[in-house]
Structures are given as structure tokens and as C-alpha cells.
Amino acid sequence: MVHGMTLRDAIEGEEYIIQQIITGDDELNAFLFTLGCYVGEAITVIAHRKGGCTVSIKDGRYNIDSQLADAIVV
């Protein structure tokens, strides 16, 4: 169950703390962890795009698709 809002609802330029990641996929969770995307980490949506968004985590920028953006609760 999703509590709070997901990255798709996040305001561009605002910094959020990741509260929950709901993928149901251990491989995907491990990949996100290597990017620095895990519970308790700060994340900022740089821009919303068709089919996803660009996010900033630590010193990196990443494009993620809508499905993944919906799985990251902030």
C-alpha cells in the first residue's frame, strides 16, 4: 500500500526523502541501491517528462520511467 506521494507527484526542484520503494523485484531494488536510491536518501525531481522523469540522487542524474517513478514513495 502506498502512503504519501510518489515521484510522479513530486514538485520539480524540491528535495524529498525516499520513504519507501515498492518494486517487488529484488534485482531492480539492488540496481536502485547502486544508484544511491534507497529509503532515507534525498532525491530531487529535476524535470517531469513524457513517460517518466529526470531525478538527482547524490551527485548523479538519472532518467527513470513512469512505472519506476510510481514505485518510489517520498
N, C-alpha and C. Protein backbone atom coordinates (compact mmCIF):
# COMPACT_ATOMS: atom_id res chain seq x y z
N MET A 1 0.84 -1.18 0.00
CA MET A 1 0.00 0.00 0.00
C MET A 1 0.89 1.25 0.00
N VAL A 2 0.59 2.18 -0.85
CA VAL A 2 1.38 3.40 -0.98
C VAL A 2 0.87 4.46 -0.01
N HIS A 3 1.76 4.95 0.81
CA HIS A 3 1.44 6.06 1.72
C HIS A 3 2.24 7.26 1.26
N GLY A 4 1.63 8.43 1.26
CA GLY A 4 2.35 9.60 0.80
C GLY A 4 2.26 9.73 -0.70
N MET A 5 3.23 10.40 -1.29
CA MET A 5 3.18 10.60 -2.74
C MET A 5 4.40 9.97 -3.40
N THR A 6 4.27 9.74 -4.69
CA THR A 6 5.36 9.14 -5.45
C THR A 6 6.11 10.22 -6.21
N LEU A 7 7.20 9.83 -6.84
CA LEU A 7 7.99 10.79 -7.61
C LEU A 7 7.19 11.42 -8.74
N ARG A 8 6.18 10.70 -9.24
CA ARG A 8 5.36 11.29 -10.32
C ARG A 8 4.59 12.51 -9.84
N ASP A 9 4.31 12.56 -8.54
CA ASP A 9 3.57 13.68 -7.96
C ASP A 9 4.49 14.78 -7.42
N ALA A 10 5.78 14.50 -7.37
CA ALA A 10 6.74 15.42 -6.75
C ALA A 10 6.87 16.72 -7.55
N ILE A 11 7.15 17.79 -6.83
CA ILE A 11 7.34 19.10 -7.46
C ILE A 11 8.78 19.22 -7.93
N GLU A 12 8.96 19.67 -9.16
CA GLU A 12 10.31 19.83 -9.72
C GLU A 12 11.13 20.77 -8.87
N GLY A 13 12.37 20.38 -8.60
CA GLY A 13 13.29 21.23 -7.85
C GLY A 13 13.20 21.09 -6.35
N GLU A 14 12.18 20.40 -5.84
CA GLU A 14 12.04 20.18 -4.40
C GLU A 14 12.81 18.93 -4.00
N GLU A 15 13.51 18.98 -2.86
CA GLU A 15 14.20 17.80 -2.38
C GLU A 15 13.27 17.01 -1.46
N TYR A 16 13.26 15.71 -1.66
CA TYR A 16 12.43 14.81 -0.86
C TYR A 16 13.31 13.72 -0.28
N ILE A 17 12.82 13.09 0.77
CA ILE A 17 13.50 11.92 1.34
C ILE A 17 12.69 10.69 0.93
N ILE A 18 13.38 9.69 0.41
CA ILE A 18 12.71 8.45 -0.02
C ILE A 18 12.18 7.73 1.22
N GLN A 19 10.87 7.48 1.23
CA GLN A 19 10.20 6.82 2.35
C GLN A 19 10.06 5.31 2.13
N GLN A 20 9.87 4.95 0.86
CA GLN A 20 9.57 3.55 0.55
C GLN A 20 9.81 3.31 -0.93
N ILE A 21 10.26 2.10 -1.26
CA ILE A 21 10.39 1.71 -2.66
C ILE A 21 9.63 0.40 -2.83
N ILE A 22 8.64 0.42 -3.71
CA ILE A 22 7.74 -0.72 -3.87
C ILE A 22 7.87 -1.27 -5.29
N THR A 23 8.85 -2.13 -5.51
CA THR A 23 9.01 -2.70 -6.85
C THR A 23 8.61 -4.17 -6.90
N GLY A 24 8.79 -4.89 -5.80
CA GLY A 24 8.52 -6.32 -5.80
C GLY A 24 9.55 -7.08 -6.62
N ASP A 25 10.68 -6.44 -6.92
CA ASP A 25 11.71 -7.03 -7.77
C ASP A 25 13.07 -6.81 -7.11
N ASP A 26 13.65 -7.87 -6.57
CA ASP A 26 14.93 -7.75 -5.85
C ASP A 26 16.05 -7.23 -6.74
N GLU A 27 16.05 -7.65 -8.00
CA GLU A 27 17.09 -7.21 -8.93
C GLU A 27 17.00 -5.69 -9.15
N LEU A 28 15.78 -5.21 -9.33
CA LEU A 28 15.56 -3.78 -9.53
C LEU A 28 15.92 -3.00 -8.26
N ASN A 29 15.55 -3.54 -7.10
CA ASN A 29 15.91 -2.90 -5.83
C ASN A 29 17.42 -2.80 -5.69
N ALA A 30 18.13 -3.86 -6.06
CA ALA A 30 19.59 -3.87 -5.98
C ALA A 30 20.18 -2.83 -6.93
N PHE A 31 19.62 -2.72 -8.13
CA PHE A 31 20.07 -1.73 -9.10
C PHE A 31 19.87 -0.31 -8.56
N LEU A 32 18.70 -0.04 -8.02
CA LEU A 32 18.41 1.28 -7.45
C LEU A 32 19.37 1.60 -6.32
N PHE A 33 19.69 0.59 -5.51
CA PHE A 33 20.62 0.79 -4.40
C PHE A 33 21.99 1.23 -4.92
N THR A 34 22.42 0.66 -6.04
CA THR A 34 23.73 1.03 -6.61
C THR A 34 23.73 2.48 -7.09
N LEU A 35 22.55 3.01 -7.43
CA LEU A 35 22.45 4.42 -7.84
C LEU A 35 22.39 5.35 -6.64
N GLY A 36 22.23 4.77 -5.45
CA GLY A 36 22.07 5.59 -4.25
C GLY A 36 20.61 5.87 -3.94
N CYS A 37 19.74 5.12 -4.59
CA CYS A 37 18.30 5.32 -4.43
C CYS A 37 17.77 4.29 -3.43
N TYR A 38 17.68 4.70 -2.16
CA TYR A 38 17.17 3.81 -1.12
C TYR A 38 16.50 4.63 -0.03
N VAL A 39 15.76 3.95 0.83
CA VAL A 39 14.98 4.61 1.89
C VAL A 39 15.91 5.46 2.75
N GLY A 40 15.48 6.69 2.99
CA GLY A 40 16.25 7.61 3.82
C GLY A 40 17.15 8.54 3.02
N GLU A 41 17.32 8.27 1.74
CA GLU A 41 18.19 9.10 0.88
C GLU A 41 17.39 10.26 0.29
N ALA A 42 18.07 11.38 0.08
CA ALA A 42 17.44 12.55 -0.54
C ALA A 42 17.38 12.35 -2.05
N ILE A 43 16.28 12.81 -2.65
CA ILE A 43 16.10 12.72 -4.10
C ILE A 43 15.37 13.97 -4.57
N THR A 44 15.74 14.48 -5.74
CA THR A 44 15.12 15.67 -6.30
C THR A 44 14.68 15.36 -7.72
N VAL A 45 13.43 15.71 -8.05
CA VAL A 45 12.97 15.59 -9.43
C VAL A 45 13.43 16.84 -10.17
N ILE A 46 14.27 16.66 -11.18
CA ILE A 46 14.77 17.78 -11.98
C ILE A 46 13.71 18.20 -13.00
N ALA A 47 13.11 17.19 -13.65
CA ALA A 47 12.11 17.50 -14.67
C ALA A 47 11.19 16.31 -14.88
N HIS A 48 9.90 16.60 -15.07
CA HIS A 48 8.94 15.57 -15.46
C HIS A 48 8.95 15.52 -16.99
N ARG A 49 8.98 14.31 -17.52
CA ARG A 49 8.98 14.13 -18.97
C ARG A 49 7.90 13.13 -19.36
N LYS A 50 7.59 13.11 -20.64
CA LYS A 50 6.65 12.09 -21.13
C LYS A 50 7.25 10.73 -20.83
N GLY A 51 6.51 9.91 -20.16
CA GLY A 51 6.98 8.56 -19.88
C GLY A 51 7.91 8.45 -18.69
N GLY A 52 8.12 9.53 -17.94
CA GLY A 52 8.99 9.41 -16.77
C GLY A 52 9.48 10.74 -16.26
N CYS A 53 10.64 10.71 -15.59
CA CYS A 53 11.21 11.95 -15.08
C CYS A 53 12.72 11.82 -14.91
N THR A 54 13.37 12.96 -14.78
CA THR A 54 14.80 13.01 -14.51
C THR A 54 14.96 13.36 -13.04
N VAL A 55 15.76 12.56 -12.34
CA VAL A 55 15.96 12.78 -10.92
C VAL A 55 17.44 12.98 -10.60
N SER A 56 17.69 13.63 -9.48
CA SER A 56 19.04 13.81 -8.98
C SER A 56 19.15 13.08 -7.65
N ILE A 57 20.12 12.16 -7.59
CA ILE A 57 20.40 11.42 -6.36
C ILE A 57 21.89 11.56 -6.11
N LYS A 58 22.26 12.02 -4.91
CA LYS A 58 23.66 12.29 -4.59
C LYS A 58 24.24 13.19 -5.68
N ASP A 59 25.27 12.76 -6.40
CA ASP A 59 25.86 13.61 -7.43
C ASP A 59 25.46 13.19 -8.84
N GLY A 60 24.51 12.27 -8.96
CA GLY A 60 24.14 11.76 -10.28
C GLY A 60 22.76 12.20 -10.71
N ARG A 61 22.59 12.22 -12.04
CA ARG A 61 21.26 12.48 -12.62
C ARG A 61 20.86 11.25 -13.41
N TYR A 62 19.60 10.86 -13.26
CA TYR A 62 19.11 9.65 -13.91
C TYR A 62 17.73 9.89 -14.50
N ASN A 63 17.47 9.25 -15.62
CA ASN A 63 16.14 9.24 -16.20
C ASN A 63 15.46 7.95 -15.76
N ILE A 64 14.29 8.08 -15.18
CA ILE A 64 13.55 6.88 -14.79
C ILE A 64 12.17 6.91 -15.44
N ASP A 65 11.63 5.73 -15.70
CA ASP A 65 10.33 5.67 -16.37
C ASP A 65 9.20 5.85 -15.36
N SER A 66 8.00 6.03 -15.87
CA SER A 66 6.83 6.31 -15.03
C SER A 66 6.56 5.19 -14.04
N GLN A 67 6.75 3.96 -14.47
CA GLN A 67 6.48 2.81 -13.60
C GLN A 67 7.40 2.85 -12.38
N LEU A 68 8.67 3.17 -12.62
CA LEU A 68 9.62 3.25 -11.52
C LEU A 68 9.34 4.48 -10.65
N ALA A 69 8.97 5.59 -11.28
CA ALA A 69 8.63 6.80 -10.53
C ALA A 69 7.45 6.54 -9.60
N ASP A 70 6.52 5.70 -10.03
CA ASP A 70 5.37 5.35 -9.19
C ASP A 70 5.76 4.43 -8.03
N ALA A 71 6.89 3.74 -8.15
CA ALA A 71 7.32 2.80 -7.13
C ALA A 71 8.11 3.47 -6.01
N ILE A 72 8.54 4.71 -6.24
CA ILE A 72 9.36 5.43 -5.26
C ILE A 72 8.49 6.42 -4.50
N VAL A 73 8.27 6.14 -3.23
CA VAL A 73 7.41 6.97 -2.38
C VAL A 73 8.28 7.95 -1.60
N VAL A 74 7.89 9.24 -1.67
CA VAL A 74 8.65 10.28 -0.96
C VAL A 74 7.78 10.97 0.08
